[in-house]
């Protein structure tokens, strides 16, 4: 039971981290670092999708 709770906590942290990465990508786009901004948004979005899927999978079990 404790292991599942730890995994769920890690999944929530991953979702927050993905949001932070996307926010940094947006900030880079606003500042003018276009390549870094687009890269940050792409990586952040992909990470966000995977993190949400993993979190939902843990919550369903």
PDB file of N, CA and C in Angstrom:
ATOM      1  N   UNK A   1       0.827  -1.195   0.000  1.00  0.00           N
ATOM      2  CA  UNK A   1       0.000   0.000   0.000  1.00  0.00           C
ATOM      3  C   UNK A   1       0.866   1.252   0.000  1.00  0.00           C
ATOM      4  N   UNK A   2       1.909   1.230   0.793  1.00  0.00           N
ATOM      5  CA  UNK A   2       2.799   2.389   0.888  1.00  0.00           C
ATOM      6  C   UNK A   2       3.520   2.652  -0.430  1.00  0.00           C
ATOM      7  N   UNK A   3       3.854   1.571  -1.129  1.00  0.00           N
ATOM      8  CA  UNK A   3       4.539   1.709  -2.410  1.00  0.00           C
ATOM      9  C   UNK A   3       3.659   2.422  -3.429  1.00  0.00           C
ATOM     10  N   UNK A   4       2.380   2.087  -3.456  1.00  0.00           N
ATOM     11  CA  UNK A   4       1.445   2.735  -4.374  1.00  0.00           C
ATOM     12  C   UNK A   4       1.282   4.204  -4.020  1.00  0.00           C
ATOM     13  N   UNK A   5       1.259   4.501  -2.728  1.00  0.00           N
ATOM     14  CA  UNK A   5       1.145   5.895  -2.283  1.00  0.00           C
ATOM     15  C   UNK A   5       2.368   6.691  -2.709  1.00  0.00           C
ATOM     16  N   UNK A   6       3.550   6.090  -2.593  1.00  0.00           N
ATOM     17  CA  UNK A   6       4.776   6.761  -3.019  1.00  0.00           C
ATOM     18  C   UNK A   6       4.786   6.979  -4.525  1.00  0.00           C
ATOM     19  N   UNK A   7       4.314   5.994  -5.275  1.00  0.00           N
ATOM     20  CA  UNK A   7       4.264   6.123  -6.734  1.00  0.00           C
ATOM     21  C   UNK A   7       3.281   7.211  -7.145  1.00  0.00           C
ATOM     22  N   UNK A   8       2.150   7.305  -6.455  1.00  0.00           N
ATOM     23  CA  UNK A   8       1.164   8.338  -6.753  1.00  0.00           C
ATOM     24  C   UNK A   8       1.720   9.724  -6.437  1.00  0.00           C
ATOM     25  N   UNK A   9       2.455   9.825  -5.360  1.00  0.00           N
ATOM     26  CA  UNK A   9       3.088  11.089  -5.005  1.00  0.00           C
ATOM     27  C   UNK A   9       4.123  11.492  -6.058  1.00  0.00           C
ATOM     28  N   UNK A  10       4.883  10.531  -6.532  1.00  0.00           N
ATOM     29  CA  UNK A  10       5.869  10.800  -7.582  1.00  0.00           C
ATOM     30  C   UNK A  10       5.181  11.199  -8.881  1.00  0.00           C
ATOM     31  N   UNK A  11       4.038  10.581  -9.169  1.00  0.00           N
ATOM     32  CA  UNK A  11       3.293  10.917 -10.386  1.00  0.00           C
ATOM     33  C   UNK A  11       2.773  12.352 -10.316  1.00  0.00           C
ATOM     34  N   UNK A  12       2.299  12.772  -9.156  1.00  0.00           N
ATOM     35  CA  UNK A  12       1.836  14.146  -8.981  1.00  0.00           C
ATOM     36  C   UNK A  12       2.993  15.124  -9.154  1.00  0.00           C
ATOM     37  N   UNK A  13       4.154  14.764  -8.640  1.00  0.00           N
ATOM     38  CA  UNK A  13       5.339  15.605  -8.795  1.00  0.00           C
ATOM     39  C   UNK A  13       5.741  15.710 -10.262  1.00  0.00           C
ATOM     40  N   UNK A  14       5.623  14.615 -11.002  1.00  0.00           N
ATOM     41  CA  UNK A  14       5.943  14.638 -12.429  1.00  0.00           C
ATOM     42  C   UNK A  14       5.012  15.560 -13.202  1.00  0.00           C
ATOM     43  N   UNK A  15       3.733  15.591 -12.837  1.00  0.00           N
ATOM     44  CA  UNK A  15       2.784  16.478 -13.494  1.00  0.00           C
ATOM     45  C   UNK A  15       3.169  17.932 -13.235  1.00  0.00           C
ATOM     46  N   UNK A  16       3.507  18.246 -11.997  1.00  0.00           N
ATOM     47  CA  UNK A  16       3.921  19.613 -11.653  1.00  0.00           C
ATOM     48  C   UNK A  16       5.203  19.980 -12.385  1.00  0.00           C
ATOM     49  N   UNK A  17       6.138  19.061 -12.463  1.00  0.00           N
ATOM     50  CA  UNK A  17       7.389  19.310 -13.173  1.00  0.00           C
ATOM     51  C   UNK A  17       7.138  19.571 -14.655  1.00  0.00           C
ATOM     52  N   UNK A  18       6.224  18.834 -15.254  1.00  0.00           N
ATOM     53  CA  UNK A  18       5.884  19.044 -16.665  1.00  0.00           C
ATOM     54  C   UNK A  18       5.295  20.435 -16.875  1.00  0.00           C
ATOM     55  N   UNK A  19       4.454  20.881 -15.954  1.00  0.00           N
ATOM     56  CA  UNK A  19       3.881  22.226 -16.051  1.00  0.00           C
ATOM     57  C   UNK A  19       4.966  23.283 -15.938  1.00  0.00           C
ATOM     58  N   UNK A  20       5.927  23.065 -15.058  1.00  0.00           N
ATOM     59  CA  UNK A  20       7.046  24.003 -14.908  1.00  0.00           C
ATOM     60  C   UNK A  20       7.883  24.058 -16.189  1.00  0.00           C
ATOM     61  N   UNK A  21       8.138  22.919 -16.802  1.00  0.00           N
ATOM     62  CA  UNK A  21       8.914  22.880 -18.049  1.00  0.00           C
ATOM     63  C   UNK A  21       8.186  23.627 -19.154  1.00  0.00           C
ATOM     64  N   UNK A  22       6.878  23.429 -19.256  1.00  0.00           N
ATOM     65  CA  UNK A  22       6.110  24.146 -20.282  1.00  0.00           C
ATOM     66  C   UNK A  22       6.090  25.648 -19.998  1.00  0.00           C
ATOM     67  N   UNK A  23       6.027  26.020 -18.724  1.00  0.00           N
ATOM     68  CA  UNK A  23       6.054  27.439 -18.366  1.00  0.00           C
ATOM     69  C   UNK A  23       7.389  28.077 -18.731  1.00  0.00           C
ATOM     70  N   UNK A  24       8.461  27.347 -18.500  1.00  0.00           N
ATOM     71  CA  UNK A  24       9.788  27.857 -18.875  1.00  0.00           C
ATOM     72  C   UNK A  24       9.897  27.991 -20.389  1.00  0.00           C
ATOM     73  N   UNK A  25       9.335  27.035 -21.123  1.00  0.00           N
ATOM     74  CA  UNK A  25       9.337  27.121 -22.579  1.00  0.00           C
ATOM     75  C   UNK A  25       8.581  28.343 -23.067  1.00  0.00           C
ATOM     76  N   UNK A  26       7.451  28.621 -22.438  1.00  0.00           N
ATOM     77  CA  UNK A  26       6.677  29.812 -22.787  1.00  0.00           C
ATOM     78  C   UNK A  26       7.459  31.078 -22.463  1.00  0.00           C
ATOM     79  N   UNK A  27       8.121  31.084 -21.333  1.00  0.00           N
ATOM     80  CA  UNK A  27       8.939  32.239 -20.945  1.00  0.00           C
ATOM     81  C   UNK A  27      10.072  32.467 -21.948  1.00  0.00           C
ATOM     82  N   UNK A  28      10.725  31.393 -22.377  1.00  0.00           N
ATOM     83  CA  UNK A  28      11.786  31.520 -23.380  1.00  0.00           C
ATOM     84  C   UNK A  28      11.241  32.082 -24.688  1.00  0.00           C
ATOM     85  N   UNK A  29      10.041  31.666 -25.070  1.00  0.00           N
ATOM     86  CA  UNK A  29       9.435  32.199 -26.292  1.00  0.00           C
ATOM     87  C   UNK A  29       9.171  33.696 -26.160  1.00  0.00           C
ATOM     88  N   UNK A  30       8.687  34.110 -24.997  1.00  0.00           N
ATOM     89  CA  UNK A  30       8.392  35.525 -24.771  1.00  0.00           C
ATOM     90  C   UNK A  30       9.675  36.350 -24.778  1.00  0.00           C
ATOM     91  N   UNK A  31      10.724  35.827 -24.153  1.00  0.00           N
ATOM     92  CA  UNK A  31      11.997  36.548 -24.080  1.00  0.00           C
ATOM     93  C   UNK A  31      12.648  36.641 -25.457  1.00  0.00           C
ATOM     94  N   UNK A  32      12.491  35.622 -26.274  1.00  0.00           N
ATOM     95  CA  UNK A  32      13.051  35.672 -27.612  1.00  0.00           C
ATOM     96  C   UNK A  32      13.956  34.509 -27.971  1.00  0.00           C
ATOM     97  N   UNK A  33      14.124  33.578 -27.065  1.00  0.00           N
ATOM     98  CA  UNK A  33      14.909  32.385 -27.375  1.00  0.00           C
ATOM     99  C   UNK A  33      13.979  31.364 -28.028  1.00  0.00           C
ATOM    100  N   UNK A  34      13.727  31.553 -29.297  1.00  0.00           N
ATOM    101  CA  UNK A  34      12.704  30.786 -30.005  1.00  0.00           C
ATOM    102  C   UNK A  34      12.970  29.288 -29.968  1.00  0.00           C
ATOM    103  N   UNK A  35      14.181  28.865 -30.284  1.00  0.00           N
ATOM    104  CA  UNK A  35      14.490  27.435 -30.332  1.00  0.00           C
ATOM    105  C   UNK A  35      14.292  26.796 -28.966  1.00  0.00           C
ATOM    106  N   UNK A  36      14.820  27.432 -27.933  1.00  0.00           N
ATOM    107  CA  UNK A  36      14.684  26.872 -26.579  1.00  0.00           C
ATOM    108  C   UNK A  36      13.222  26.860 -26.140  1.00  0.00           C
ATOM    109  N   UNK A  37      12.465  27.870 -26.540  1.00  0.00           N
ATOM    110  CA  UNK A  37      11.057  27.937 -26.177  1.00  0.00           C
ATOM    111  C   UNK A  37      10.252  26.831 -26.814  1.00  0.00           C
ATOM    112  N   UNK A  38      10.450  26.643 -28.105  1.00  0.00           N
ATOM    113  CA  UNK A  38       9.715  25.588 -28.818  1.00  0.00           C
ATOM    114  C   UNK A  38      10.116  24.216 -28.292  1.00  0.00           C
ATOM    115  N   UNK A  39      11.404  24.020 -28.081  1.00  0.00           N
ATOM    116  CA  UNK A  39      11.885  22.748 -27.543  1.00  0.00           C
ATOM    117  C   UNK A  39      11.296  22.493 -26.158  1.00  0.00           C
ATOM    118  N   UNK A  40      11.269  23.512 -25.313  1.00  0.00           N
ATOM    119  CA  UNK A  40      10.700  23.372 -23.974  1.00  0.00           C
ATOM    120  C   UNK A  40       9.226  23.029 -24.006  1.00  0.00           C
ATOM    121  N   UNK A  41       8.491  23.658 -24.926  1.00  0.00           N
ATOM    122  CA  UNK A  41       7.063  23.372 -25.034  1.00  0.00           C
ATOM    123  C   UNK A  41       6.803  21.960 -25.553  1.00  0.00           C
ATOM    124  N   UNK A  42       7.581  21.527 -26.518  1.00  0.00           N
ATOM    125  CA  UNK A  42       7.399  20.175 -27.062  1.00  0.00           C
ATOM    126  C   UNK A  42       7.731  19.115 -26.010  1.00  0.00           C
ATOM    127  N   UNK A  43       8.883  19.271 -25.370  1.00  0.00           N
ATOM    128  CA  UNK A  43       9.297  18.300 -24.350  1.00  0.00           C
ATOM    129  C   UNK A  43       8.331  18.330 -23.167  1.00  0.00           C
ATOM    130  N   UNK A  44       7.959  19.539 -22.739  1.00  0.00           N
ATOM    131  CA  UNK A  44       7.042  19.674 -21.611  1.00  0.00           C
ATOM    132  C   UNK A  44       5.678  19.074 -21.898  1.00  0.00           C
ATOM    133  N   UNK A  45       5.172  19.299 -23.103  1.00  0.00           N
ATOM    134  CA  UNK A  45       3.854  18.758 -23.457  1.00  0.00           C
ATOM    135  C   UNK A  45       3.885  17.237 -23.494  1.00  0.00           C
ATOM    136  N   UNK A  46       4.920  16.686 -24.078  1.00  0.00           N
ATOM    137  CA  UNK A  46       5.041  15.218 -24.148  1.00  0.00           C
ATOM    138  C   UNK A  46       5.157  14.613 -22.743  1.00  0.00           C
ATOM    139  N   UNK A  47       5.972  15.253 -21.907  1.00  0.00           N
ATOM    140  CA  UNK A  47       6.158  14.792 -20.532  1.00  0.00           C
ATOM    141  C   UNK A  47       4.852  14.925 -19.749  1.00  0.00           C
ATOM    142  N   UNK A  48       4.109  15.999 -19.987  1.00  0.00           N
ATOM    143  CA  UNK A  48       2.837  16.221 -19.310  1.00  0.00           C
ATOM    144  C   UNK A  48       1.831  15.125 -19.667  1.00  0.00           C
ATOM    145  N   UNK A  49       1.751  14.792 -20.935  1.00  0.00           N
ATOM    146  CA  UNK A  49       0.817  13.755 -21.378  1.00  0.00           C
ATOM    147  C   UNK A  49       1.155  12.413 -20.726  1.00  0.00           C
ATOM    148  N   UNK A  50       2.438  12.060 -20.732  1.00  0.00           N
ATOM    149  CA  UNK A  50       2.846  10.785 -20.132  1.00  0.00           C
ATOM    150  C   UNK A  50       2.619  10.777 -18.618  1.00  0.00           C
ATOM    151  N   UNK A  51       2.893  11.896 -17.964  1.00  0.00           N
ATOM    152  CA  UNK A  51       2.725  11.969 -16.518  1.00  0.00           C
ATOM    153  C   UNK A  51       1.255  11.860 -16.128  1.00  0.00           C
ATOM    154  N   UNK A  52       0.373  12.527 -16.891  1.00  0.00           N
ATOM    155  CA  UNK A  52      -1.054  12.442 -16.605  1.00  0.00           C
ATOM    156  C   UNK A  52      -1.577  11.017 -16.823  1.00  0.00           C
ATOM    157  N   UNK A  53      -1.085  10.363 -17.874  1.00  0.00           N
ATOM    158  CA  UNK A  53      -1.504   8.983 -18.157  1.00  0.00           C
ATOM    159  C   UNK A  53      -1.063   8.051 -17.020  1.00  0.00           C
ATOM    160  N   UNK A  54       0.168   8.217 -16.554  1.00  0.00           N
ATOM    161  CA  UNK A  54       0.685   7.376 -15.476  1.00  0.00           C
ATOM    162  C   UNK A  54      -0.077   7.635 -14.179  1.00  0.00           C
ATOM    163  N   UNK A  55      -0.363   8.899 -13.884  1.00  0.00           N
ATOM    164  CA  UNK A  55      -1.101   9.247 -12.675  1.00  0.00           C
ATOM    165  C   UNK A  55      -2.507   8.645 -12.711  1.00  0.00           C
ATOM    166  N   UNK A  56      -3.172   8.729 -13.847  1.00  0.00           N
ATOM    167  CA  UNK A  56      -4.519   8.174 -13.978  1.00  0.00           C
ATOM    168  C   UNK A  56      -4.485   6.648 -13.817  1.00  0.00           C
ATOM    169  N   UNK A  57      -3.455   6.025 -14.386  1.00  0.00           N
ATOM    170  CA  UNK A  57      -3.307   4.571 -14.267  1.00  0.00           C
ATOM    171  C   UNK A  57      -3.149   4.161 -12.799  1.00  0.00           C
ATOM    172  N   UNK A  58      -2.370   4.926 -12.040  1.00  0.00           N
ATOM    173  CA  UNK A  58      -2.191   4.610 -10.621  1.00  0.00           C
ATOM    174  C   UNK A  58      -3.474   4.853  -9.826  1.00  0.00           C
ATOM    175  N   UNK A  59      -4.203   5.904 -10.164  1.00  0.00           N
ATOM    176  CA  UNK A  59      -5.432   6.200  -9.438  1.00  0.00           C
ATOM    177  C   UNK A  59      -6.510   5.165  -9.704  1.00  0.00           C
ATOM    178  N   UNK A  60      -6.521   4.585 -10.911  1.00  0.00           N
ATOM    179  CA  UNK A  60      -7.521   3.585 -11.245  1.00  0.00           C
ATOM    180  C   UNK A  60      -7.291   2.265 -10.503  1.00  0.00           C
ATOM    181  N   UNK A  61      -6.047   1.966 -10.182  1.00  0.00           N
ATOM    182  CA  UNK A  61      -5.731   0.701  -9.486  1.00  0.00           C
ATOM    183  C   UNK A  61      -5.893   0.803  -8.022  1.00  0.00           C
TER     184      UNK A  61
END
